[in-house]
Structures are given as structure tokens and as C-alpha cells.
Amino acid sequence: MKRTIFVLLLAVTLFSGCAKRTFYLKIAPPENRTEIRSERPGIKFVWVDGHWQWNRKKENYVWIPGHWIKKKEGKIWIHGDWHRTRRGWVWVKSYWK
């Protein structure tokens, strides 16, 4: 019995650090910049829009420029975006769908 409790406590302790944390910001991101896309490097590339990213050390937003990435066969790119919630602003990551 003691061993079972110990194993369960150990598992909870180890996996609690793996939980995904969501950060909410009280400061809204600036308006997105208008970017001029560079020439597409090939037909198998998709444009990733530039976006504002929160810099925790500087406690402000920094601009991440747009860029081209290679397409994944049979997938579409879903752009990330900032969403306003009751708790503050949260970044919803880009992903392949």
C-alpha cells in the first residue's frame, strides 16, 4: 500500500511539470504590421504571417517577421492569432491541420 501511494505521488510530481501553461496578458498586442512577402521559394511553400510575440524578460511585444515554410503534404496551415478573453490576451499557436 505504501509503495502504491509513493509511486502515485512520484508520478504526480513528475508529470505536473509537463502540464501546458497558458499565459494571459493584460496588455493588448499592437496592430499587426503590413509586410511585403519575399518571392515564394517554390510551389511547395506556404507563407507564415508575421506576428507579435510577448517577451517576458523585456515585458513587451516584439515583432516576429513573416517567412516561408515548406508545406506538409495533405495539410493546411492555420495561422496563429491573439485572442481576448475575460482573463486577458492569449496567443493561440499556428499549426498544421
PDB file of N, CA and C in Angstrom:
ATOM      1  N   MET A   1       0.818  -1.199   0.000  1.00  0.00           N
ATOM      2  CA  MET A   1       0.000   0.000   0.000  1.00  0.00           C
ATOM      3  C   MET A   1       0.860   1.260   0.000  1.00  0.00           C
ATOM      4  N   LYS A   2       1.878   1.270   0.891  1.00  0.00           N
ATOM      5  CA  LYS A   2       2.756   2.433   0.965  1.00  0.00           C
ATOM      6  C   LYS A   2       3.484   2.644  -0.361  1.00  0.00           C
ATOM      7  N   ARG A   3       3.875   1.522  -0.957  1.00  0.00           N
ATOM      8  CA  ARG A   3       4.590   1.621  -2.232  1.00  0.00           C
ATOM      9  C   ARG A   3       3.682   2.201  -3.320  1.00  0.00           C
ATOM     10  N   THR A   4       2.431   1.792  -3.371  1.00  0.00           N
ATOM     11  CA  THR A   4       1.480   2.304  -4.359  1.00  0.00           C
ATOM     12  C   THR A   4       1.291   3.808  -4.192  1.00  0.00           C
ATOM     13  N   ILE A   5       1.133   4.256  -2.970  1.00  0.00           N
ATOM     14  CA  ILE A   5       0.972   5.692  -2.706  1.00  0.00           C
ATOM     15  C   ILE A   5       2.227   6.449  -3.124  1.00  0.00           C
ATOM     16  N   PHE A   6       3.396   5.882  -2.803  1.00  0.00           N
ATOM     17  CA  PHE A   6       4.654   6.520  -3.180  1.00  0.00           C
ATOM     18  C   PHE A   6       4.767   6.657  -4.701  1.00  0.00           C
ATOM     19  N   VAL A   7       4.448   5.592  -5.425  1.00  0.00           N
ATOM     20  CA  VAL A   7       4.524   5.616  -6.892  1.00  0.00           C
ATOM     21  C   VAL A   7       3.553   6.648  -7.456  1.00  0.00           C
ATOM     22  N   LEU A   8       2.344   6.711  -6.922  1.00  0.00           N
ATOM     23  CA  LEU A   8       1.363   7.693  -7.389  1.00  0.00           C
ATOM     24  C   LEU A   8       1.834   9.119  -7.119  1.00  0.00           C
ATOM     25  N   LEU A   9       2.362   9.372  -5.929  1.00  0.00           N
ATOM     26  CA  LEU A   9       2.874  10.709  -5.611  1.00  0.00           C
ATOM     27  C   LEU A   9       4.049  11.081  -6.502  1.00  0.00           C
ATOM     28  N   LEU A  10       4.917  10.128  -6.762  1.00  0.00           N
ATOM     29  CA  LEU A  10       6.058  10.371  -7.643  1.00  0.00           C
ATOM     30  C   LEU A  10       5.582  10.709  -9.055  1.00  0.00           C
ATOM     31  N   ALA A  11       4.613   9.961  -9.558  1.00  0.00           N
ATOM     32  CA  ALA A  11       4.078  10.209 -10.903  1.00  0.00           C
ATOM     33  C   ALA A  11       3.441  11.589 -10.993  1.00  0.00           C
ATOM     34  N   VAL A  12       2.651  11.956  -9.995  1.00  0.00           N
ATOM     35  CA  VAL A  12       2.011  13.279  -9.987  1.00  0.00           C
ATOM     36  C   VAL A  12       3.064  14.372  -9.968  1.00  0.00           C
ATOM     37  N   THR A  13       4.095  14.197  -9.159  1.00  0.00           N
ATOM     38  CA  THR A  13       5.165  15.193  -9.070  1.00  0.00           C
ATOM     39  C   THR A  13       5.895  15.333 -10.401  1.00  0.00           C
ATOM     40  N   LEU A  14       6.233  14.215 -11.011  1.00  0.00           N
ATOM     41  CA  LEU A  14       6.978  14.255 -12.274  1.00  0.00           C
ATOM     42  C   LEU A  14       6.155  14.853 -13.405  1.00  0.00           C
ATOM     43  N   PHE A  15       4.898  14.465 -13.501  1.00  0.00           N
ATOM     44  CA  PHE A  15       4.077  14.916 -14.619  1.00  0.00           C
ATOM     45  C   PHE A  15       3.457  16.288 -14.423  1.00  0.00           C
ATOM     46  N   SER A  16       3.466  16.807 -13.219  1.00  0.00           N
ATOM     47  CA  SER A  16       2.903  18.144 -13.008  1.00  0.00           C
ATOM     48  C   SER A  16       3.738  19.199 -13.723  1.00  0.00           C
ATOM     49  N   GLY A  17       5.024  18.961 -13.892  1.00  0.00           N
ATOM     50  CA  GLY A  17       5.886  19.884 -14.627  1.00  0.00           C
ATOM     51  C   GLY A  17       5.652  19.842 -16.121  1.00  0.00           C
ATOM     52  N   CYS A  18       4.983  18.818 -16.604  1.00  0.00           N
ATOM     53  CA  CYS A  18       4.728  18.671 -18.034  1.00  0.00           C
ATOM     54  C   CYS A  18       3.441  19.362 -18.473  1.00  0.00           C
ATOM     55  N   ALA A  19       2.669  19.843 -17.539  1.00  0.00           N
ATOM     56  CA  ALA A  19       1.388  20.476 -17.877  1.00  0.00           C
ATOM     57  C   ALA A  19       1.627  21.742 -18.694  1.00  0.00           C
ATOM     58  N   LYS A  20       0.777  21.948 -19.676  1.00  0.00           N
ATOM     59  CA  LYS A  20       0.875  23.131 -20.529  1.00  0.00           C
ATOM     60  C   LYS A  20       0.334  24.332 -19.762  1.00  0.00           C
ATOM     61  N   ARG A  21       1.124  25.398 -19.721  1.00  0.00           N
ATOM     62  CA  ARG A  21       0.704  26.613 -19.021  1.00  0.00           C
ATOM     63  C   ARG A  21       0.234  27.643 -20.023  1.00  0.00           C
ATOM     64  N   THR A  22      -0.871  28.269 -19.749  1.00  0.00           N
ATOM     65  CA  THR A  22      -1.374  29.343 -20.594  1.00  0.00           C
ATOM     66  C   THR A  22      -1.091  30.663 -19.899  1.00  0.00           C
ATOM     67  N   PHE A  23      -0.467  31.580 -20.640  1.00  0.00           N
ATOM     68  CA  PHE A  23      -0.165  32.897 -20.091  1.00  0.00           C
ATOM     69  C   PHE A  23      -1.172  33.904 -20.627  1.00  0.00           C
ATOM     70  N   TYR A  24      -1.764  34.663 -19.734  1.00  0.00           N
ATOM     71  CA  TYR A  24      -2.714  35.704 -20.099  1.00  0.00           C
ATOM     72  C   TYR A  24      -2.054  37.052 -19.865  1.00  0.00           C
ATOM     73  N   LEU A  25      -2.189  37.946 -20.833  1.00  0.00           N
ATOM     74  CA  LEU A  25      -1.576  39.266 -20.742  1.00  0.00           C
ATOM     75  C   LEU A  25      -2.648  40.331 -20.636  1.00  0.00           C
ATOM     76  N   LYS A  26      -2.417  41.312 -19.796  1.00  0.00           N
ATOM     77  CA  LYS A  26      -3.363  42.424 -19.647  1.00  0.00           C
ATOM     78  C   LYS A  26      -3.174  43.467 -20.747  1.00  0.00           C
ATOM     79  N   ILE A  27      -1.997  43.470 -21.359  1.00  0.00           N
ATOM     80  CA  ILE A  27      -1.674  44.452 -22.403  1.00  0.00           C
ATOM     81  C   ILE A  27      -1.999  43.859 -23.770  1.00  0.00           C
ATOM     82  N   ALA A  28      -2.837  44.546 -24.535  1.00  0.00           N
ATOM     83  CA  ALA A  28      -3.201  44.074 -25.874  1.00  0.00           C
ATOM     84  C   ALA A  28      -1.999  44.167 -26.812  1.00  0.00           C
ATOM     85  N   PRO A  29      -1.889  43.235 -27.765  1.00  0.00           N
ATOM     86  CA  PRO A  29      -0.798  43.337 -28.737  1.00  0.00           C
ATOM     87  C   PRO A  29      -1.037  44.519 -29.672  1.00  0.00           C
ATOM     88  N   PRO A  30       0.043  45.117 -30.208  1.00  0.00           N
ATOM     89  CA  PRO A  30      -0.131  46.190 -31.194  1.00  0.00           C
ATOM     90  C   PRO A  30      -0.796  45.646 -32.459  1.00  0.00           C
ATOM     91  N   GLU A  31      -1.240  46.562 -33.303  1.00  0.00           N
ATOM     92  CA  GLU A  31      -1.794  46.148 -34.598  1.00  0.00           C
ATOM     93  C   GLU A  31      -0.703  45.432 -35.394  1.00  0.00           C
ATOM     94  N   ASN A  32      -1.103  44.409 -36.153  1.00  0.00           N
ATOM     95  CA  ASN A  32      -0.126  43.712 -36.988  1.00  0.00           C
ATOM     96  C   ASN A  32       0.460  44.646 -38.032  1.00  0.00           C
ATOM     97  N   ARG A  33       1.704  44.409 -38.377  1.00  0.00           N
ATOM     98  CA  ARG A  33       2.370  45.202 -39.406  1.00  0.00           C
ATOM     99  C   ARG A  33       1.988  44.675 -40.781  1.00  0.00           C
ATOM    100  N   THR A  34       2.013  45.574 -41.754  1.00  0.00           N
ATOM    101  CA  THR A  34       1.818  45.155 -43.136  1.00  0.00           C
ATOM    102  C   THR A  34       3.177  44.743 -43.669  1.00  0.00           C
ATOM    103  N   GLU A  35       3.260  43.539 -44.178  1.00  0.00           N
ATOM    104  CA  GLU A  35       4.541  43.032 -44.672  1.00  0.00           C
ATOM    105  C   GLU A  35       4.486  42.809 -46.179  1.00  0.00           C
ATOM    106  N   ILE A  36       5.620  42.988 -46.797  1.00  0.00           N
ATOM    107  CA  ILE A  36       5.760  42.647 -48.211  1.00  0.00           C
ATOM    108  C   ILE A  36       6.415  41.277 -48.252  1.00  0.00           C
ATOM    109  N   ARG A  37       5.714  40.329 -48.850  1.00  0.00           N
ATOM    110  CA  ARG A  37       6.246  38.968 -48.915  1.00  0.00           C
ATOM    111  C   ARG A  37       7.419  38.909 -49.882  1.00  0.00           C
ATOM    112  N   SER A  38       8.425  38.164 -49.479  1.00  0.00           N
ATOM    113  CA  SER A  38       9.527  37.905 -50.402  1.00  0.00           C
ATOM    114  C   SER A  38       9.016  36.931 -51.466  1.00  0.00           C
ATOM    115  N   GLU A  39       9.802  36.754 -52.507  1.00  0.00           N
ATOM    116  CA  GLU A  39       9.381  35.846 -53.573  1.00  0.00           C
ATOM    117  C   GLU A  39       9.268  34.426 -53.022  1.00  0.00           C
ATOM    118  N   ARG A  40       8.206  33.765 -53.423  1.00  0.00           N
ATOM    119  CA  ARG A  40       7.973  32.391 -52.970  1.00  0.00           C
ATOM    120  C   ARG A  40       9.122  31.503 -53.470  1.00  0.00           C
ATOM    121  N   PRO A  41       9.767  30.772 -52.567  1.00  0.00           N
ATOM    122  CA  PRO A  41      10.916  29.964 -52.982  1.00  0.00           C
ATOM    123  C   PRO A  41      10.550  28.747 -53.824  1.00  0.00           C
ATOM    124  N   GLY A  42       9.289  28.407 -53.880  1.00  0.00           N
ATOM    125  CA  GLY A  42       8.846  27.266 -54.679  1.00  0.00           C
ATOM    126  C   GLY A  42       7.384  26.983 -54.410  1.00  0.00           C
ATOM    127  N   ILE A  43       6.802  26.138 -55.245  1.00  0.00           N
ATOM    128  CA  ILE A  43       5.375  25.835 -55.132  1.00  0.00           C
ATOM    129  C   ILE A  43       5.042  25.073 -53.850  1.00  0.00           C
ATOM    130  N   LYS A  44       6.025  24.436 -53.263  1.00  0.00           N
ATOM    131  CA  LYS A  44       5.791  23.633 -52.054  1.00  0.00           C
ATOM    132  C   LYS A  44       6.005  24.423 -50.767  1.00  0.00           C
ATOM    133  N   PHE A  45       5.812  25.748 -50.841  1.00  0.00           N
ATOM    134  CA  PHE A  45       5.998  26.591 -49.661  1.00  0.00           C
ATOM    135  C   PHE A  45       4.728  27.375 -49.347  1.00  0.00           C
ATOM    136  N   VAL A  46       4.527  27.672 -48.072  1.00  0.00           N
ATOM    137  CA  VAL A  46       3.381  28.448 -47.613  1.00  0.00           C
ATOM    138  C   VAL A  46       3.906  29.593 -46.743  1.00  0.00           C
ATOM    139  N   TRP A  47       3.231  30.741 -46.823  1.00  0.00           N
ATOM    140  CA  TRP A  47       3.640  31.924 -46.070  1.00  0.00           C
ATOM    141  C   TRP A  47       3.102  31.864 -44.644  1.00  0.00           C
ATOM    142  N   VAL A  48       3.975  32.144 -43.687  1.00  0.00           N
ATOM    143  CA  VAL A  48       3.593  32.264 -42.277  1.00  0.00           C
ATOM    144  C   VAL A  48       3.585  33.754 -41.964  1.00  0.00           C
ATOM    145  N   ASP A  49       2.412  34.291 -41.623  1.00  0.00           N
ATOM    146  CA  ASP A  49       2.302  35.719 -41.319  1.00  0.00           C
ATOM    147  C   ASP A  49       3.186  36.105 -40.141  1.00  0.00           C
ATOM    148  N   GLY A  50       3.689  37.337 -40.186  1.00  0.00           N
ATOM    149  CA  GLY A  50       4.392  37.886 -39.038  1.00  0.00           C
ATOM    150  C   GLY A  50       3.404  38.116 -37.906  1.00  0.00           C
ATOM    151  N   HIS A  51       3.907  38.147 -36.685  1.00  0.00           N
ATOM    152  CA  HIS A  51       3.022  38.340 -35.534  1.00  0.00           C
ATOM    153  C   HIS A  51       3.801  38.919 -34.363  1.00  0.00           C
ATOM    154  N   TRP A  52       3.067  39.423 -33.411  1.00  0.00           N
ATOM    155  CA  TRP A  52       3.661  39.946 -32.182  1.00  0.00           C
ATOM    156  C   TRP A  52       3.814  38.812 -31.183  1.00  0.00           C
ATOM    157  N   GLN A  53       4.981  38.766 -30.547  1.00  0.00           N
ATOM    158  CA  GLN A  53       5.259  37.760 -29.521  1.00  0.00           C
ATOM    159  C   GLN A  53       5.628  38.474 -28.229  1.00  0.00           C
ATOM    160  N   TRP A  54       5.113  37.980 -27.117  1.00  0.00           N
ATOM    161  CA  TRP A  54       5.416  38.591 -25.825  1.00  0.00           C
ATOM    162  C   TRP A  54       6.805  38.159 -25.365  1.00  0.00           C
ATOM    163  N   ASN A  55       7.630  39.143 -24.991  1.00  0.00           N
ATOM    164  CA  ASN A  55       8.963  38.883 -24.464  1.00  0.00           C
ATOM    165  C   ASN A  55       8.896  39.063 -22.949  1.00  0.00           C
ATOM    166  N   ARG A  56       8.969  37.960 -22.215  1.00  0.00           N
ATOM    167  CA  ARG A  56       8.815  38.013 -20.753  1.00  0.00           C
ATOM    168  C   ARG A  56       9.936  38.794 -20.076  1.00  0.00           C
ATOM    169  N   LYS A  57      11.158  38.682 -20.599  1.00  0.00           N
ATOM    170  CA  LYS A  57      12.285  39.394 -19.976  1.00  0.00           C
ATOM    171  C   LYS A  57      12.137  40.903 -20.116  1.00  0.00           C
ATOM    172  N   LYS A  58      11.780  41.351 -21.327  1.00  0.00           N
ATOM    173  CA  LYS A  58      11.642  42.792 -21.583  1.00  0.00           C
ATOM    174  C   LYS A  58      10.262  43.313 -21.203  1.00  0.00           C
ATOM    175  N   GLU A  59       9.322  42.388 -20.992  1.00  0.00           N
ATOM    176  CA  GLU A  59       7.935  42.724 -20.679  1.00  0.00           C
ATOM    177  C   GLU A  59       7.314  43.650 -21.720  1.00  0.00           C
ATOM    178  N   ASN A  60       7.493  43.261 -22.987  1.00  0.00           N
ATOM    179  CA  ASN A  60       6.847  43.972 -24.089  1.00  0.00           C
ATOM    180  C   ASN A  60       6.733  43.031 -25.286  1.00  0.00           C
ATOM    181  N   TYR A  61       6.033  43.501 -26.306  1.00  0.00           N
ATOM    182  CA  TYR A  61       5.867  42.707 -27.516  1.00  0.00           C
ATOM    183  C   TYR A  61       7.026  42.959 -28.470  1.00  0.00           C
ATOM    184  N   VAL A  62       7.444  41.907 -29.166  1.00  0.00           N
ATOM    185  CA  VAL A  62       8.449  42.031 -30.223  1.00  0.00           C
ATOM    186  C   VAL A  62       7.850  41.442 -31.497  1.00  0.00           C
ATOM    187  N   TRP A  63       8.199  42.043 -32.630  1.00  0.00           N
ATOM    188  CA  TRP A  63       7.657  41.600 -33.910  1.00  0.00           C
ATOM    189  C   TRP A  63       8.464  40.422 -34.443  1.00  0.00           C
ATOM    190  N   ILE A  64       7.773  39.351 -34.820  1.00  0.00           N
ATOM    191  CA  ILE A  64       8.380  38.193 -35.474  1.00  0.00           C
ATOM    192  C   ILE A  64       7.990  38.291 -36.945  1.00  0.00           C
ATOM    193  N   PRO A  65       8.957  38.537 -37.841  1.00  0.00           N
ATOM    194  CA  PRO A  65       8.625  38.737 -39.257  1.00  0.00           C
ATOM    195  C   PRO A  65       8.047  37.476 -39.909  1.00  0.00           C
ATOM    196  N   GLY A  66       7.224  37.691 -40.927  1.00  0.00           N
ATOM    197  CA  GLY A  66       6.681  36.583 -41.699  1.00  0.00           C
ATOM    198  C   GLY A  66       7.786  35.882 -42.475  1.00  0.00           C
ATOM    199  N   HIS A  67       7.527  34.626 -42.834  1.00  0.00           N
ATOM    200  CA  HIS A  67       8.533  33.855 -43.568  1.00  0.00           C
ATOM    201  C   HIS A  67       7.859  32.669 -44.267  1.00  0.00           C
ATOM    202  N   TRP A  68       8.595  32.044 -45.157  1.00  0.00           N
ATOM    203  CA  TRP A  68       8.097  30.891 -45.892  1.00  0.00           C
ATOM    204  C   TRP A  68       8.501  29.607 -45.178  1.00  0.00           C
ATOM    205  N   ILE A  69       7.584  28.633 -45.146  1.00  0.00           N
ATOM    206  CA  ILE A  69       7.920  27.303 -44.638  1.00  0.00           C
ATOM    207  C   ILE A  69       7.461  26.274 -45.662  1.00  0.00           C
ATOM    208  N   LYS A  70       8.095  25.117 -45.627  1.00  0.00           N
ATOM    209  CA  LYS A  70       7.748  24.053 -46.567  1.00  0.00           C
ATOM    210  C   LYS A  70       6.396  23.442 -46.189  1.00  0.00           C
ATOM    211  N   LYS A  71       5.551  23.238 -47.205  1.00  0.00           N
ATOM    212  CA  LYS A  71       4.231  22.634 -46.980  1.00  0.00           C
ATOM    213  C   LYS A  71       4.371  21.198 -46.508  1.00  0.00           C
ATOM    214  N   LYS A  72       3.381  20.765 -45.723  1.00  0.00           N
ATOM    215  CA  LYS A  72       3.269  19.361 -45.346  1.00  0.00           C
ATOM    216  C   LYS A  72       2.192  18.761 -46.236  1.00  0.00           C
ATOM    217  N   GLU A  73       2.524  17.685 -46.872  1.00  0.00           N
ATOM    218  CA  GLU A  73       1.618  17.032 -47.822  1.00  0.00           C
ATOM    219  C   GLU A  73       0.262  16.726 -47.191  1.00  0.00           C
ATOM    220  N   GLY A  74      -0.813  17.184 -47.843  1.00  0.00           N
ATOM    221  CA  GLY A  74      -2.167  16.905 -47.384  1.00  0.00           C
ATOM    222  C   GLY A  74      -2.622  17.729 -46.182  1.00  0.00           C
ATOM    223  N   LYS A  75      -1.844  18.734 -45.790  1.00  0.00           N
ATOM    224  CA  LYS A  75      -2.178  19.560 -44.623  1.00  0.00           C
ATOM    225  C   LYS A  75      -2.376  21.010 -45.046  1.00  0.00           C
ATOM    226  N   ILE A  76      -3.117  21.764 -44.228  1.00  0.00           N
ATOM    227  CA  ILE A  76      -3.231  23.207 -44.452  1.00  0.00           C
ATOM    228  C   ILE A  76      -2.712  23.929 -43.211  1.00  0.00           C
ATOM    229  N   TRP A  77      -2.122  25.105 -43.426  1.00  0.00           N
ATOM    230  CA  TRP A  77      -1.536  25.888 -42.352  1.00  0.00           C
ATOM    231  C   TRP A  77      -2.603  26.779 -41.730  1.00  0.00           C
ATOM    232  N   ILE A  78      -2.779  26.675 -40.427  1.00  0.00           N
ATOM    233  CA  ILE A  78      -3.710  27.515 -39.684  1.00  0.00           C
ATOM    234  C   ILE A  78      -2.874  28.552 -38.938  1.00  0.00           C
ATOM    235  N   HIS A  79      -3.089  29.819 -39.268  1.00  0.00           N
ATOM    236  CA  HIS A  79      -2.304  30.900 -38.681  1.00  0.00           C
ATOM    237  C   HIS A  79      -2.675  31.127 -37.221  1.00  0.00           C
ATOM    238  N   GLY A  80      -1.673  31.411 -36.409  1.00  0.00           N
ATOM    239  CA  GLY A  80      -1.897  31.751 -35.009  1.00  0.00           C
ATOM    240  C   GLY A  80      -2.461  33.161 -34.895  1.00  0.00           C
ATOM    241  N   ASP A  81      -3.018  33.474 -33.739  1.00  0.00           N
ATOM    242  CA  ASP A  81      -3.603  34.800 -33.546  1.00  0.00           C
ATOM    243  C   ASP A  81      -3.777  35.071 -32.051  1.00  0.00           C
ATOM    244  N   TRP A  82      -3.821  36.345 -31.715  1.00  0.00           N
ATOM    245  CA  TRP A  82      -4.108  36.754 -30.338  1.00  0.00           C
ATOM    246  C   TRP A  82      -5.618  36.799 -30.134  1.00  0.00           C
ATOM    247  N   HIS A  83      -6.072  36.246 -29.014  1.00  0.00           N
ATOM    248  CA  HIS A  83      -7.498  36.256 -28.680  1.00  0.00           C
ATOM    249  C   HIS A  83      -7.689  36.928 -27.327  1.00  0.00           C
ATOM    250  N   ARG A  84      -8.709  37.765 -27.259  1.00  0.00           N
ATOM    251  CA  ARG A  84      -9.029  38.431 -25.998  1.00  0.00           C
ATOM    252  C   ARG A  84     -10.016  37.564 -25.232  1.00  0.00           C
ATOM    253  N   THR A  85      -9.712  37.310 -23.978  1.00  0.00           N
ATOM    254  CA  THR A  85     -10.591  36.528 -23.111  1.00  0.00           C
ATOM    255  C   THR A  85     -10.887  37.354 -21.860  1.00  0.00           C
ATOM    256  N   ARG A  86     -11.729  36.827 -21.005  1.00  0.00           N
ATOM    257  CA  ARG A  86     -12.021  37.522 -19.740  1.00  0.00           C
ATOM    258  C   ARG A  86     -10.779  37.636 -18.865  1.00  0.00           C
ATOM    259  N   ARG A  87      -9.843  36.713 -19.031  1.00  0.00           N
ATOM    260  CA  ARG A  87      -8.631  36.708 -18.202  1.00  0.00           C
ATOM    261  C   ARG A  87      -7.502  37.540 -18.800  1.00  0.00           C
ATOM    262  N   GLY A  88      -7.657  37.941 -20.066  1.00  0.00           N
ATOM    263  CA  GLY A  88      -6.617  38.729 -20.727  1.00  0.00           C
ATOM    264  C   GLY A  88      -6.368  38.219 -22.141  1.00  0.00           C
ATOM    265  N   TRP A  89      -5.272  38.659 -22.733  1.00  0.00           N
ATOM    266  CA  TRP A  89      -4.909  38.278 -24.096  1.00  0.00           C
ATOM    267  C   TRP A  89      -4.103  36.986 -24.067  1.00  0.00           C
ATOM    268  N   VAL A  90      -4.418  36.082 -24.982  1.00  0.00           N
ATOM    269  CA  VAL A  90      -3.723  34.797 -25.053  1.00  0.00           C
ATOM    270  C   VAL A  90      -3.379  34.499 -26.514  1.00  0.00           C
ATOM    271  N   TRP A  91      -2.187  33.958 -26.748  1.00  0.00           N
ATOM    272  CA  TRP A  91      -1.750  33.590 -28.091  1.00  0.00           C
ATOM    273  C   TRP A  91      -2.192  32.164 -28.389  1.00  0.00           C
ATOM    274  N   VAL A  92      -2.888  31.990 -29.509  1.00  0.00           N
ATOM    275  CA  VAL A  92      -3.270  30.663 -29.989  1.00  0.00           C
ATOM    276  C   VAL A  92      -2.294  30.326 -31.109  1.00  0.00           C
ATOM    277  N   LYS A  93      -1.493  29.288 -30.896  1.00  0.00           N
ATOM    278  CA  LYS A  93      -0.400  28.939 -31.808  1.00  0.00           C
ATOM    279  C   LYS A  93      -0.882  28.537 -33.201  1.00  0.00           C
ATOM    280  N   SER A  94      -0.002  28.749 -34.178  1.00  0.00           N
ATOM    281  CA  SER A  94      -0.215  28.246 -35.532  1.00  0.00           C
ATOM    282  C   SER A  94      -0.024  26.730 -35.520  1.00  0.00           C
ATOM    283  N   TYR A  95      -0.655  26.062 -36.484  1.00  0.00           N
ATOM    284  CA  TYR A  95      -0.482  24.607 -36.556  1.00  0.00           C
ATOM    285  C   TYR A  95      -0.893  24.095 -37.933  1.00  0.00           C
ATOM    286  N   TRP A  96      -0.484  22.868 -38.230  1.00  0.00           N
ATOM    287  CA  TRP A  96      -0.902  22.176 -39.449  1.00  0.00           C
ATOM    288  C   TRP A  96      -2.166  21.394 -39.143  1.00  0.00           C
ATOM    289  N   LYS A  97      -3.143  21.479 -40.057  1.00  0.00           N
ATOM    290  CA  LYS A  97      -4.402  20.745 -39.869  1.00  0.00           C
ATOM    291  C   LYS A  97      -4.572  19.777 -41.019  1.00  0.00           C
TER     292      LYS A  97
END
